[in-house]
Amino acid sequence: MDTQFLVSLTIILLTFALYIGIAIYNKAKETSEFYVAGRGVPPIFNGMAIGADWMSAASFIGLAGTIMLLGYDGLAYIMGWTGGYLLLTFLLAPQLRKYGRYTVPEFIGDRYRSHPARIIAAICTIIISFTYSIGQLSGSGVVIGRLFEIDAKVGTMIGVVLIAFYAAFGGMKGITWTQVAQYIVLIVAYLIPVIFMSLQITGNPAPWLSYGKIVGEMGELDRQLGISEYFAPFTNGTKWQFLALLFTLMAGTAGLPHVIVRFYTVSTMKAARWSGAWALLFIGLLYLSAPAYAAFSRFILIRNVVGQPLDALPAWTETWVKTGKLQLADANGDGILQWSEMIIANDIIVMATPEIANLGLFVIGLVAAGAMAAALSTAGGLMISISSSFAHDIYYRVLHPDATEKRRLSVARWSIVLATLLAGLIALNPPGAITQIVAWAFALASGTFFPALLLGIWWKRSNAQGVIAGMLVGLTVTLAYIFAAKYGGFTIAGIIDTGAGVFGAAAAIIANVAVSLATKAPSTDAQEEVLNLRYPEQMTYKDGEVWIDK
C-alpha cells in the first residue's frame, strides 16, 4: 500500500467523519427543519452553503478541464454560471422568500392556485434534479476510482451509499451546516494547487494576475505544435452556440430548484438578498481561479508530457490510464507522444494536476477530499429537492393532506434513499461528460422553471392554464432539442444539445403569455398577492390605492 493512498484516504476519512458528525448533531426533528433548516441560517453561512451546493463536481472537477480543452469557448460556462446568480439574487430569490413556502412546486401551486400546476412542477423538479445528480455521482466515482485505483463504477456506488446516509438523516438542517464545512474544504483544496502552480511556473503566488503571461507563451507553443490556439474564439463551436450556452446556464441557474430552496432557509427578504451577495463572493473565488488552473495544467502538459518518448512518461500517467479516463496512443508509430495522440477526459484535469505538477502527497489528498466535498454537497441538496417534491408537494399537499409529521418525515427519508440508488445506477454508465450532463439539467430548468417563476412574480396576468402550458411546452421543446442534437445530428445555427435551453425558454414564455391572454385572468386577490411580492414591506389596498405599511 503506497504512502499517497494512505495520505489521501486519511484526509478523505477525516472530512467524511466531520460531515457525518455535523449531520448527526443537526438532525432534523421537524418537517420545517428537514425542508428549510427552520429558516434560521445566518446570511454569511447560507452564502457558503449556497457556494457548496452550487460548486458541484461539474465546477470543481469538470470546469477547469472543460476550459483547458475548449479554450476561449469554455468561458461561456464561467460567465453563464456566475451571471445566473445576479438574475436569481435580484429578480427571484427575495420575492420567493417573501412568499414563505418550502419548495418551488409549492410556490407555483399556491401562486397559481392549481394542483395540476403543482404536480407538473414537482415532476419537473424531479427530472431536473435527477439529471443533475447523475453528473455528481459520476464525479464522485472518478475521485473514489482514482483513490483506490479501482474502476470508476465501483467508486460511484460507494458515493451513493454515503450520500443516501447523510442526506436522509440530517435533512436540510444537517445538509446546510455540512455544506458550510464542505465549502471550506473544497475552496482550500482548489486554491492551494493553483497558487503553488503559479509560484512554480511564474514565481508569483497570485494566479489571477500571473496566468495572462502563460497564456501568451502558450500561443507560441500552440503554433510550434501546429494545434488550434488556446485563446482563439469559436474554434470549438459557433458564436451562436456560445451565446445559447451562456443564456441556458444563466436562466438555468435562476430556475434550479435545489439552489432556490437555499434562499428559503433564511429569516427575511433582506437576508435572502445578502445570502446571494455572499454566495457570489464565495463562488467567484473558484470561478476566477478556474481559467488559471486550466492554463497552468495545459502549459505543464505541453511542456513536460507532449514530445516525450512513450516509454519514459511520468508515473502518474499509468495510474490514470487504469481508471479509463486517460488514453495514450502512438498513432504515427514514432514512439513519441504528440498532443493529438493523448485523449484526456476533461473530468480528470483538476484531480490529476497536483500529480502532473508534482505538488506532493498532502496536496493530492486534499484535492481528492475537495472533489468529494463538491460532489457530495451538491448531491445532498439535489436529493432534498427530489424528496421534498415527492414527499411534500405530491404525497402531502395532494395525496394525503392529513398525514402526520412522523409519516411525512419517513416518506421524505425513504424517497431520498431510492432516488440516490436509481441515480447511482444510471451514473454507472453516464450518457456524457460531467459538464455536459449538468448543462442538460440547466437547459431543462431554463425551459421550465425560469419562465414560470419570472412571469409568476413579474406578470400578474399569468394564470394557471398559462403556466401549465408553458412548463409542458418548455420541457417538451428542451428534451426534443437535446435528443435531436445529441443523437440525430440536428442543430439550428450550430447550437448543440448544451444550448437547448434557449429554445425551451423562448417556447415556454410564448406559450405562457399566449394561453394566459386567451383564458380568464386570475382573481383580483391573486393579482394583488403578486404585486405584494415585489415590495420588502407589507402592502395593503384601500379604495383602489396601494398603501405601504412600514
Protein backbone atom coordinates (compact mmCIF):
# COMPACT_ATOMS: atom_id res chain seq x y z
CA MET A 1 0.00 0.00 0.00
CA ASP A 2 1.66 3.24 -1.08
CA THR A 3 2.05 6.38 1.03
CA GLN A 4 -0.03 8.51 -1.34
CA PHE A 5 -3.01 6.21 -0.93
CA LEU A 6 -2.77 6.34 2.88
CA VAL A 7 -2.45 10.15 2.97
CA SER A 8 -5.39 10.68 0.58
CA LEU A 9 -7.55 8.13 2.40
CA THR A 10 -6.79 9.68 5.82
CA ILE A 11 -7.72 13.19 4.65
CA ILE A 12 -10.93 11.95 2.98
CA LEU A 13 -11.97 9.87 6.01
CA LEU A 14 -11.35 12.79 8.38
CA THR A 15 -13.52 15.10 6.26
CA PHE A 16 -16.25 12.41 6.00
CA ALA A 17 -16.22 11.99 9.78
CA LEU A 18 -16.66 15.78 10.07
CA TYR A 19 -19.64 15.82 7.65
CA ILE A 20 -21.39 12.87 9.27
CA GLY A 21 -20.76 14.29 12.76
CA ILE A 22 -22.34 17.62 11.71
CA ALA A 23 -25.32 15.82 10.12
CA ILE A 24 -25.94 13.78 13.30
CA TYR A 25 -25.55 16.85 15.58
CA ASN A 26 -28.02 18.83 13.42
CA LYS A 27 -30.51 16.03 12.85
CA ALA A 28 -33.88 17.34 11.59
CA LYS A 29 -36.63 16.69 14.15
CA GLU A 30 -39.46 18.62 12.44
CA THR A 31 -40.57 18.99 8.81
CA SER A 32 -39.58 22.70 8.73
CA GLU A 33 -36.04 21.69 9.78
CA PHE A 34 -35.99 18.89 7.20
CA TYR A 35 -37.07 21.11 4.29
CA VAL A 36 -35.85 24.67 5.13
CA ALA A 37 -33.48 24.26 8.14
CA GLY A 38 -36.04 26.00 10.40
CA ARG A 39 -35.47 29.27 8.42
CA GLY A 40 -32.75 30.34 10.86
CA VAL A 41 -29.48 30.23 8.86
CA PRO A 42 -27.39 33.49 9.00
CA PRO A 43 -26.78 35.02 5.51
CA ILE A 44 -22.94 34.57 5.51
CA PHE A 45 -23.22 30.85 6.33
CA ASN A 46 -26.11 30.48 3.91
CA GLY A 47 -23.85 32.09 1.27
CA MET A 48 -21.22 29.40 1.99
CA ALA A 49 -23.83 26.65 1.84
CA ILE A 50 -25.12 28.06 -1.50
CA GLY A 51 -21.49 28.09 -2.72
CA ALA A 52 -21.02 24.43 -1.78
CA ASP A 53 -24.44 23.45 -3.14
CA TRP A 54 -23.56 25.30 -6.32
CA MET A 55 -19.94 24.28 -6.88
CA SER A 56 -20.71 20.76 -7.76
CA ALA A 57 -18.47 18.09 -9.21
CA ALA A 58 -19.05 19.88 -12.53
CA SER A 59 -17.49 23.09 -11.22
CA PHE A 60 -14.76 21.53 -9.09
CA ILE A 61 -13.78 18.57 -11.25
CA GLY A 62 -15.07 19.43 -14.71
CA LEU A 63 -14.80 23.20 -15.21
CA ALA A 64 -11.02 23.69 -15.42
CA GLY A 65 -10.78 20.61 -17.68
CA THR A 66 -13.53 21.93 -19.95
CA ILE A 67 -11.76 25.30 -20.26
CA MET A 68 -8.42 23.55 -20.86
CA LEU A 69 -9.85 21.52 -23.74
CA LEU A 70 -12.16 24.21 -25.19
CA GLY A 71 -10.01 27.30 -24.52
CA TYR A 72 -11.92 30.56 -25.06
CA ASP A 73 -15.18 28.71 -25.78
CA GLY A 74 -15.14 27.24 -22.25
CA LEU A 75 -15.57 30.74 -20.77
CA ALA A 76 -19.33 30.54 -21.53
CA TYR A 77 -19.59 28.18 -18.53
CA ILE A 78 -17.98 30.67 -16.16
CA MET A 79 -19.93 33.71 -17.39
CA GLY A 80 -23.26 31.84 -17.51
CA TRP A 81 -22.96 30.21 -14.10
CA THR A 82 -21.87 33.44 -12.39
CA GLY A 83 -24.30 35.71 -14.25
CA GLY A 84 -27.19 33.44 -13.29
CA TYR A 85 -26.65 34.33 -9.64
CA LEU A 86 -27.21 38.01 -10.40
CA LEU A 87 -30.52 37.13 -12.09
CA LEU A 88 -31.53 34.95 -9.16
CA THR A 89 -30.46 37.41 -6.42
CA PHE A 90 -32.22 40.43 -7.92
CA LEU A 91 -35.18 39.01 -9.86
CA LEU A 92 -36.41 35.94 -7.99
CA ALA A 93 -34.87 34.93 -4.63
CA PRO A 94 -36.14 37.73 -2.31
CA GLN A 95 -39.67 37.53 -3.73
CA LEU A 96 -39.76 33.74 -3.39
CA ARG A 97 -38.53 34.03 0.20
CA LYS A 98 -41.28 36.55 0.97
CA TYR A 99 -43.90 34.07 -0.25
CA GLY A 100 -42.68 31.77 2.54
CA ARG A 101 -43.15 28.28 1.10
CA TYR A 102 -40.93 25.19 1.35
CA THR A 103 -40.31 24.33 -2.32
CA VAL A 104 -40.53 25.73 -5.87
CA PRO A 105 -43.51 23.48 -6.83
CA GLU A 106 -45.30 24.70 -3.69
CA PHE A 107 -44.78 28.33 -4.79
CA ILE A 108 -46.09 27.53 -8.28
CA GLY A 109 -49.08 25.55 -6.93
CA ASP A 110 -50.09 28.27 -4.45
CA ARG A 111 -49.28 31.32 -6.64
CA TYR A 112 -51.38 29.94 -9.50
CA ARG A 113 -53.90 28.24 -7.12
CA SER A 114 -53.64 24.99 -9.11
CA HIS A 115 -52.94 21.39 -8.08
CA PRO A 116 -52.13 20.29 -11.68
CA ALA A 117 -49.50 23.10 -11.90
CA ARG A 118 -48.03 21.92 -8.56
CA ILE A 119 -47.79 18.29 -9.74
CA ILE A 120 -46.21 19.24 -13.11
CA ALA A 121 -43.69 21.48 -11.26
CA ALA A 122 -42.89 18.63 -8.84
CA ILE A 123 -42.29 16.24 -11.76
CA CYS A 124 -40.05 18.86 -13.46
CA THR A 125 -38.08 19.25 -10.19
CA ILE A 126 -37.54 15.50 -10.01
CA ILE A 127 -36.42 15.30 -13.69
CA ILE A 128 -34.00 18.29 -13.36
CA SER A 129 -32.53 17.24 -10.00
CA PHE A 130 -32.23 13.63 -11.15
CA THR A 131 -30.33 14.60 -14.33
CA TYR A 132 -28.03 16.86 -12.29
CA SER A 133 -27.38 14.20 -9.63
CA ILE A 134 -26.19 11.70 -12.28
CA GLY A 135 -23.33 14.13 -13.01
CA GLN A 136 -22.48 14.42 -9.29
CA LEU A 137 -22.44 10.67 -8.66
CA SER A 138 -20.37 10.16 -11.80
CA GLY A 139 -17.91 12.75 -10.37
CA SER A 140 -17.66 11.00 -7.01
CA GLY A 141 -16.90 7.80 -8.95
CA VAL A 142 -13.93 9.49 -10.70
CA VAL A 143 -12.47 10.56 -7.32
CA ILE A 144 -13.00 7.28 -5.46
CA GLY A 145 -11.91 5.28 -8.51
CA ARG A 146 -8.57 7.17 -8.67
CA LEU A 147 -8.02 6.95 -4.90
CA PHE A 148 -8.47 3.19 -4.67
CA GLU A 149 -7.19 2.59 -8.24
CA ILE A 150 -10.44 0.77 -8.99
CA ASP A 151 -13.00 1.16 -11.76
CA ALA A 152 -14.89 4.47 -11.51
CA LYS A 153 -18.18 2.45 -11.48
CA VAL A 154 -17.35 0.88 -8.09
CA GLY A 155 -16.38 4.35 -6.83
CA THR A 156 -19.81 5.66 -7.90
CA MET A 157 -21.64 3.05 -5.79
CA ILE A 158 -19.53 3.94 -2.70
CA GLY A 159 -20.56 7.60 -3.22
CA VAL A 160 -24.24 6.55 -3.46
CA VAL A 161 -24.16 4.85 -0.03
CA LEU A 162 -22.54 7.90 1.63
CA ILE A 163 -24.98 10.44 0.14
CA ALA A 164 -28.06 8.34 0.88
CA PHE A 165 -27.00 8.11 4.53
CA TYR A 166 -26.31 11.70 5.43
CA ALA A 167 -28.95 13.40 3.23
CA ALA A 168 -31.71 11.15 4.59
CA PHE A 169 -30.52 11.56 8.17
CA GLY A 170 -29.93 15.30 8.57
CA GLY A 171 -32.41 16.77 6.09
CA MET A 172 -31.91 20.42 5.06
CA LYS A 173 -30.76 21.43 8.56
CA GLY A 174 -27.98 18.83 8.63
CA ILE A 175 -27.09 19.43 4.97
CA THR A 176 -26.82 23.23 5.41
CA TRP A 177 -24.19 23.02 8.14
CA THR A 178 -22.46 20.11 6.38
CA GLN A 179 -22.25 22.28 3.25
CA VAL A 180 -20.59 25.13 5.18
CA ALA A 181 -17.82 22.69 6.16
CA GLN A 182 -17.70 21.28 2.62
CA TYR A 183 -17.32 24.77 1.12
CA ILE A 184 -14.28 25.47 3.32
CA VAL A 185 -12.71 22.11 2.39
CA LEU A 186 -13.35 22.47 -1.35
CA ILE A 187 -12.18 26.09 -1.71
CA VAL A 188 -8.94 25.43 0.21
CA ALA A 189 -8.42 22.29 -1.88
CA TYR A 190 -8.97 24.26 -5.11
CA LEU A 191 -6.84 27.31 -4.30
CA ILE A 192 -3.73 25.59 -2.87
CA PRO A 193 -2.75 23.75 -6.12
CA VAL A 194 -3.37 26.77 -8.38
CA ILE A 195 -1.34 29.06 -6.05
CA PHE A 196 1.51 26.51 -5.93
CA MET A 197 1.48 26.09 -9.72
CA SER A 198 1.57 29.87 -10.14
CA LEU A 199 4.60 30.05 -7.83
CA GLN A 200 6.28 27.14 -9.61
CA ILE A 201 5.81 28.47 -13.15
CA THR A 202 5.84 32.27 -12.76
CA GLY A 203 7.28 32.93 -9.29
CA ASN A 204 4.09 34.89 -8.44
CA PRO A 205 1.67 33.45 -5.80
CA ALA A 206 -1.37 35.24 -7.31
CA PRO A 207 -2.56 33.04 -10.22
CA TRP A 208 -5.26 35.57 -11.21
CA LEU A 209 -2.51 38.10 -12.06
CA SER A 210 0.18 35.79 -13.43
CA TYR A 211 -1.64 33.44 -15.80
CA GLY A 212 -2.00 36.02 -18.60
CA LYS A 213 1.75 35.71 -19.24
CA ILE A 214 1.41 31.91 -19.51
CA VAL A 215 -1.49 32.20 -21.99
CA GLY A 216 0.78 34.37 -24.17
CA GLU A 217 3.59 31.76 -24.06
CA MET A 218 1.08 29.02 -24.81
CA GLY A 219 0.04 30.73 -28.05
CA GLU A 220 3.65 30.40 -29.22
CA LEU A 221 3.80 26.70 -28.17
CA ASP A 222 0.48 26.00 -29.96
CA ARG A 223 1.85 27.49 -33.19
CA GLN A 224 5.03 25.38 -32.90
CA LEU A 225 2.98 22.19 -32.37
CA GLY A 226 0.50 23.15 -35.13
CA ILE A 227 -2.59 22.83 -32.88
CA SER A 228 -5.53 25.24 -32.62
CA GLU A 229 -4.67 28.24 -30.47
CA TYR A 230 -5.90 28.16 -26.89
CA PHE A 231 -7.39 31.65 -26.83
CA ALA A 232 -8.79 31.75 -30.41
CA PRO A 233 -12.59 32.26 -30.08
CA PHE A 234 -15.26 29.97 -31.54
CA THR A 235 -12.88 27.23 -32.71
CA ASN A 236 -14.95 24.51 -30.96
CA GLY A 237 -18.39 25.82 -31.82
CA THR A 238 -20.24 28.72 -33.42
CA LYS A 239 -20.79 32.17 -31.92
CA TRP A 240 -24.49 31.27 -31.58
CA GLN A 241 -23.65 28.14 -29.57
CA PHE A 242 -21.51 30.28 -27.23
CA LEU A 243 -24.41 32.72 -26.67
CA ALA A 244 -27.04 29.95 -26.38
CA LEU A 245 -24.94 28.10 -23.79
CA LEU A 246 -24.40 31.37 -21.91
CA PHE A 247 -28.17 32.01 -21.78
CA THR A 248 -29.01 28.40 -20.90
CA LEU A 249 -26.64 28.40 -17.92
CA MET A 250 -27.79 31.85 -16.69
CA ALA A 251 -31.53 31.12 -16.94
CA GLY A 252 -30.98 27.57 -15.67
CA THR A 253 -29.16 28.89 -12.59
CA ALA A 254 -32.09 31.19 -11.83
CA GLY A 255 -34.51 28.25 -12.17
CA LEU A 256 -32.66 25.42 -10.41
CA PRO A 257 -34.94 24.12 -7.62
CA HIS A 258 -32.15 22.93 -5.29
CA VAL A 259 -30.46 26.37 -5.43
CA ILE A 260 -33.67 28.38 -4.98
CA VAL A 261 -34.66 26.38 -1.89
CA ARG A 262 -31.45 27.59 -0.19
CA PHE A 263 -32.97 31.09 -0.11
CA TYR A 264 -35.91 29.72 1.91
CA THR A 265 -33.59 28.84 4.81
CA VAL A 266 -33.07 32.49 5.92
CA SER A 267 -35.41 34.61 8.02
CA THR A 268 -36.25 37.63 5.77
CA MET A 269 -36.17 39.05 2.21
CA LYS A 270 -33.17 41.19 3.17
CA ALA A 271 -31.32 38.10 4.43
CA ALA A 272 -32.13 36.36 1.12
CA ARG A 273 -30.51 39.25 -0.82
CA TRP A 274 -27.43 39.20 1.43
CA SER A 275 -27.18 35.41 1.03
CA GLY A 276 -27.00 35.96 -2.74
CA ALA A 277 -24.28 38.62 -2.33
CA TRP A 278 -22.15 36.39 -0.08
CA ALA A 279 -22.69 33.44 -2.42
CA LEU A 280 -21.38 35.48 -5.37
CA LEU A 281 -18.20 36.28 -3.43
CA PHE A 282 -17.63 32.65 -2.41
CA ILE A 283 -18.41 31.32 -5.90
CA GLY A 284 -16.25 33.99 -7.55
CA LEU A 285 -13.19 32.69 -5.66
CA LEU A 286 -13.40 29.38 -7.52
CA TYR A 287 -14.61 30.72 -10.87
CA LEU A 288 -11.86 33.34 -11.12
CA SER A 289 -9.31 30.59 -10.40
CA ALA A 290 -10.62 28.01 -12.91
CA PRO A 291 -9.19 29.69 -16.07
CA ALA A 292 -5.78 29.99 -14.35
CA TYR A 293 -5.98 26.31 -13.30
CA ALA A 294 -6.77 25.33 -16.91
CA ALA A 295 -3.96 27.43 -18.42
CA PHE A 296 -1.30 26.16 -15.98
CA SER A 297 -2.37 22.50 -16.45
CA ARG A 298 -2.27 22.76 -20.23
CA PHE A 299 1.09 24.55 -20.13
CA ILE A 300 2.65 21.85 -17.90
CA LEU A 301 1.21 19.05 -20.09
CA ILE A 302 2.57 20.62 -23.31
CA ARG A 303 5.96 21.31 -21.75
CA ASN A 304 6.52 18.11 -19.69
CA VAL A 305 4.49 15.33 -21.34
CA VAL A 306 3.92 16.11 -25.04
CA GLY A 307 7.03 15.29 -27.09
CA GLN A 308 8.30 12.69 -24.57
CA PRO A 309 9.06 9.05 -25.51
CA LEU A 310 6.05 6.85 -24.67
CA ASP A 311 8.19 4.50 -22.57
CA ALA A 312 9.56 7.36 -20.44
CA LEU A 313 6.33 9.12 -19.42
CA PRO A 314 5.81 10.27 -15.79
CA ALA A 315 4.44 7.65 -13.36
CA TRP A 316 1.11 9.48 -12.87
CA THR A 317 0.06 8.67 -16.48
CA GLU A 318 -0.04 4.95 -15.68
CA THR A 319 -2.42 5.34 -12.71
CA TRP A 320 -4.83 7.49 -14.72
CA VAL A 321 -4.77 5.09 -17.69
CA LYS A 322 -6.04 2.42 -15.22
CA THR A 323 -9.15 4.49 -14.44
CA GLY A 324 -10.05 4.59 -18.16
CA LYS A 325 -10.06 8.42 -18.16
CA LEU A 326 -6.70 8.82 -19.98
CA GLN A 327 -5.79 7.12 -23.25
CA LEU A 328 -2.38 7.29 -24.89
CA ALA A 329 -1.75 6.02 -28.42
CA ASP A 330 1.21 6.05 -30.78
CA ALA A 331 -0.76 6.72 -33.96
CA ASN A 332 2.24 7.52 -36.17
CA GLY A 333 4.48 4.82 -34.66
CA ASP A 334 7.41 7.14 -33.83
CA GLY A 335 7.44 6.27 -30.10
CA ILE A 336 6.93 9.96 -29.18
CA LEU A 337 3.67 11.23 -27.64
CA GLN A 338 2.00 14.00 -29.68
CA TRP A 339 -0.77 16.29 -28.33
CA SER A 340 -3.26 14.68 -30.74
CA GLU A 341 -2.33 11.17 -29.51
CA MET A 342 -3.44 11.92 -25.95
CA ILE A 343 -7.15 11.54 -25.18
CA ILE A 344 -7.69 13.10 -21.76
CA ALA A 345 -11.16 13.28 -20.19
CA ASN A 346 -11.91 16.81 -19.02
CA ASP A 347 -13.21 15.29 -15.76
CA ILE A 348 -9.70 14.36 -14.56
CA ILE A 349 -7.72 17.60 -15.10
CA VAL A 350 -8.22 19.02 -11.59
CA MET A 351 -7.69 15.63 -9.97
CA ALA A 352 -4.57 14.86 -11.98
CA THR A 353 -2.92 18.31 -11.92
CA PRO A 354 -1.33 18.03 -8.44
CA GLU A 355 0.35 14.84 -9.69
CA ILE A 356 1.23 16.38 -13.07
CA ALA A 357 2.82 19.40 -11.34
CA ASN A 358 4.37 17.19 -8.63
CA LEU A 359 2.82 19.16 -5.75
CA GLY A 360 3.29 16.50 -3.09
CA LEU A 361 1.29 13.89 -1.18
CA PHE A 362 -0.71 16.24 1.04
CA VAL A 363 -1.99 18.45 -1.82
CA ILE A 364 -3.05 15.41 -3.90
CA GLY A 365 -5.01 14.08 -0.90
CA LEU A 366 -6.52 17.50 -0.20
CA VAL A 367 -7.74 17.85 -3.80
CA ALA A 368 -9.35 14.40 -3.61
CA ALA A 369 -11.14 15.47 -0.39
CA GLY A 370 -12.22 18.77 -2.02
CA ALA A 371 -13.60 16.96 -5.07
CA MET A 372 -15.57 14.59 -2.83
CA ALA A 373 -16.88 17.59 -0.83
CA ALA A 374 -18.05 19.23 -4.08
CA ALA A 375 -19.81 16.12 -5.38
CA LEU A 376 -21.40 15.21 -2.04
CA SER A 377 -22.61 18.71 -1.11
CA THR A 378 -24.48 19.20 -4.38
CA ALA A 379 -25.82 15.65 -4.48
CA GLY A 380 -27.16 16.11 -0.93
CA GLY A 381 -29.01 19.30 -1.93
CA LEU A 382 -30.39 17.62 -5.06
CA MET A 383 -31.70 14.65 -3.09
CA ILE A 384 -33.52 17.01 -0.69
CA SER A 385 -35.14 18.66 -3.76
CA ILE A 386 -36.29 15.32 -5.17
CA SER A 387 -37.52 14.16 -1.77
CA SER A 388 -39.41 17.40 -0.98
CA SER A 389 -41.06 17.41 -4.43
CA PHE A 390 -42.37 13.91 -3.89
CA ALA A 391 -42.96 13.78 -0.12
CA HIS A 392 -44.17 17.38 0.41
CA ASP A 393 -45.68 18.54 -2.89
CA ILE A 394 -47.21 15.30 -4.17
CA TYR A 395 -47.65 13.00 -1.13
CA TYR A 396 -48.65 15.62 1.50
CA ARG A 397 -50.17 18.55 -0.45
CA VAL A 398 -52.11 16.40 -2.97
CA LEU A 399 -52.49 12.74 -1.91
CA HIS A 400 -52.53 12.74 1.93
CA PRO A 401 -53.10 16.21 3.43
CA ASP A 402 -53.92 14.53 6.79
CA ALA A 403 -50.51 12.72 7.05
CA THR A 404 -48.78 13.06 10.44
CA GLU A 405 -45.41 14.83 10.82
CA LYS A 406 -43.72 11.49 11.58
CA ARG A 407 -45.20 9.86 8.48
CA ARG A 408 -44.13 12.80 6.25
CA LEU A 409 -40.52 12.64 7.53
CA SER A 410 -40.44 8.87 6.93
CA VAL A 411 -41.69 9.25 3.32
CA ALA A 412 -39.14 12.06 2.75
CA ARG A 413 -36.23 9.93 4.02
CA TRP A 414 -37.16 6.83 2.00
CA SER A 415 -37.61 8.86 -1.19
CA ILE A 416 -34.02 10.19 -0.76
CA VAL A 417 -32.63 6.64 -0.43
CA LEU A 418 -34.50 5.35 -3.50
CA ALA A 419 -33.67 8.41 -5.66
CA THR A 420 -29.95 8.16 -4.79
CA LEU A 421 -29.84 4.45 -5.68
CA LEU A 422 -31.61 4.99 -9.01
CA ALA A 423 -29.39 7.97 -9.97
CA GLY A 424 -26.32 5.91 -8.98
CA LEU A 425 -27.34 3.07 -11.33
CA ILE A 426 -27.58 5.50 -14.30
CA ALA A 427 -24.29 7.17 -13.27
CA LEU A 428 -22.51 3.80 -13.68
CA ASN A 429 -22.65 4.42 -17.41
CA PRO A 430 -23.23 8.19 -17.75
CA PRO A 431 -24.60 9.46 -21.10
CA GLY A 432 -21.96 12.23 -21.36
CA ALA A 433 -19.14 14.14 -19.62
CA ILE A 434 -19.99 15.67 -16.21
CA THR A 435 -20.25 19.25 -17.54
CA GLN A 436 -22.42 18.09 -20.46
CA ILE A 437 -24.90 16.19 -18.22
CA VAL A 438 -25.08 19.20 -15.89
CA ALA A 439 -25.69 21.54 -18.88
CA TRP A 440 -28.75 19.39 -19.77
CA ALA A 441 -30.13 19.90 -16.24
CA PHE A 442 -29.66 23.68 -16.70
CA ALA A 443 -31.37 23.55 -20.12
CA LEU A 444 -34.37 21.79 -18.54
CA ALA A 445 -34.51 24.36 -15.69
CA SER A 446 -34.32 27.29 -18.12
CA GLY A 447 -37.11 25.78 -20.25
CA THR A 448 -39.48 25.08 -17.32
CA PHE A 449 -38.93 26.96 -14.04
CA PHE A 450 -37.23 30.14 -15.22
CA PRO A 451 -40.23 31.28 -17.36
CA ALA A 452 -42.75 30.05 -14.74
CA LEU A 453 -41.07 31.96 -11.88
CA LEU A 454 -40.19 35.06 -13.92
CA LEU A 455 -43.77 35.52 -15.18
CA GLY A 456 -45.23 34.30 -11.87
CA ILE A 457 -43.51 37.14 -9.97
CA TRP A 458 -43.33 39.94 -12.56
CA TRP A 459 -46.54 39.47 -14.63
CA LYS A 460 -49.72 39.35 -12.54
CA ARG A 461 -51.86 38.35 -15.57
CA SER A 462 -50.10 34.95 -15.86
CA ASN A 463 -52.61 32.24 -14.84
CA ALA A 464 -52.75 28.50 -14.08
CA GLN A 465 -53.53 27.44 -17.68
CA GLY A 466 -50.65 29.64 -18.90
CA VAL A 467 -48.06 28.23 -16.52
CA ILE A 468 -49.12 24.62 -17.20
CA ALA A 469 -48.86 25.21 -20.97
CA GLY A 470 -45.51 27.00 -20.51
CA MET A 471 -43.91 24.24 -18.41
CA LEU A 472 -45.15 21.42 -20.66
CA VAL A 473 -44.14 23.17 -23.90
CA GLY A 474 -40.76 24.25 -22.42
CA LEU A 475 -40.00 20.74 -21.16
CA THR A 476 -41.01 19.11 -24.47
CA VAL A 477 -39.06 21.55 -26.68
CA THR A 478 -35.91 21.32 -24.49
CA LEU A 479 -35.94 17.50 -24.32
CA ALA A 480 -36.70 17.20 -28.04
CA TYR A 481 -33.82 19.53 -28.96
CA ILE A 482 -31.33 17.73 -26.62
CA PHE A 483 -32.19 14.34 -28.18
CA ALA A 484 -32.28 15.69 -31.76
CA ALA A 485 -28.92 17.46 -31.38
CA LYS A 486 -27.10 14.69 -29.49
CA TYR A 487 -28.41 11.63 -31.29
CA GLY A 488 -29.87 12.95 -34.57
CA GLY A 489 -27.21 15.50 -35.52
CA PHE A 490 -29.91 18.19 -35.87
CA THR A 491 -28.84 21.75 -34.99
CA ILE A 492 -30.07 25.31 -35.58
CA ALA A 493 -27.29 27.90 -36.23
CA GLY A 494 -24.73 25.43 -34.85
CA ILE A 495 -26.40 25.32 -31.40
CA ILE A 496 -25.76 21.85 -29.93
CA ASP A 497 -27.51 19.96 -27.08
CA THR A 498 -25.94 22.04 -24.26
CA GLY A 499 -27.57 25.23 -25.62
CA ALA A 500 -31.09 23.74 -25.84
CA GLY A 501 -32.42 25.95 -23.01
CA VAL A 502 -32.63 28.99 -25.28
CA PHE A 503 -35.34 27.30 -27.39
CA GLY A 504 -37.12 25.81 -24.35
CA ALA A 505 -37.27 29.17 -22.52
CA ALA A 506 -38.49 31.08 -25.60
CA ALA A 507 -41.18 28.45 -26.31
CA ALA A 508 -42.30 28.39 -22.64
CA ILE A 509 -42.60 32.20 -22.37
CA ILE A 510 -44.57 32.42 -25.66
CA ALA A 511 -46.89 29.55 -24.58
CA ASN A 512 -47.42 31.01 -21.08
CA VAL A 513 -48.24 34.51 -22.40
CA ALA A 514 -50.45 33.30 -25.28
CA VAL A 515 -52.51 30.85 -23.17
CA SER A 516 -52.80 33.30 -20.22
CA LEU A 517 -54.16 36.02 -22.52
CA ALA A 518 -56.56 33.59 -24.21
CA THR A 519 -58.05 32.40 -20.90
CA LYS A 520 -59.66 34.02 -17.84
CA ALA A 521 -57.49 36.41 -15.80
CA PRO A 522 -56.53 35.41 -12.21
CA SER A 523 -58.76 36.76 -9.40
CA THR A 524 -58.13 40.27 -8.02
CA ASP A 525 -56.82 38.69 -4.78
CA ALA A 526 -54.29 36.61 -6.71
CA GLN A 527 -53.11 39.64 -8.70
CA GLU A 528 -52.74 41.78 -5.54
CA GLU A 529 -50.74 38.95 -3.93
CA VAL A 530 -48.31 39.05 -6.87
CA LEU A 531 -47.91 42.84 -6.58
CA ASN A 532 -47.28 42.43 -2.85
CA LEU A 533 -44.37 40.06 -3.55
CA ARG A 534 -42.31 42.82 -5.17
CA TYR A 535 -42.00 45.02 -2.07
CA PRO A 536 -39.97 44.34 1.08
CA GLU A 537 -42.73 45.91 3.22
CA GLN A 538 -46.26 44.66 3.66
CA MET A 539 -48.80 46.23 1.26
CA THR A 540 -52.49 46.82 1.79
CA TYR A 541 -55.12 48.06 -0.63
CA LYS A 542 -57.57 50.85 0.30
CA ASP A 543 -60.12 52.29 -2.14
CA GLY A 544 -58.11 51.20 -5.17
CA GLU A 545 -54.87 52.79 -3.87
CA VAL A 546 -51.74 50.97 -2.65
CA TRP A 547 -50.64 51.75 0.94
CA ILE A 548 -47.29 50.53 2.24
CA ASP A 549 -47.16 49.55 5.92
CA LYS A 550 -43.60 50.11 7.13
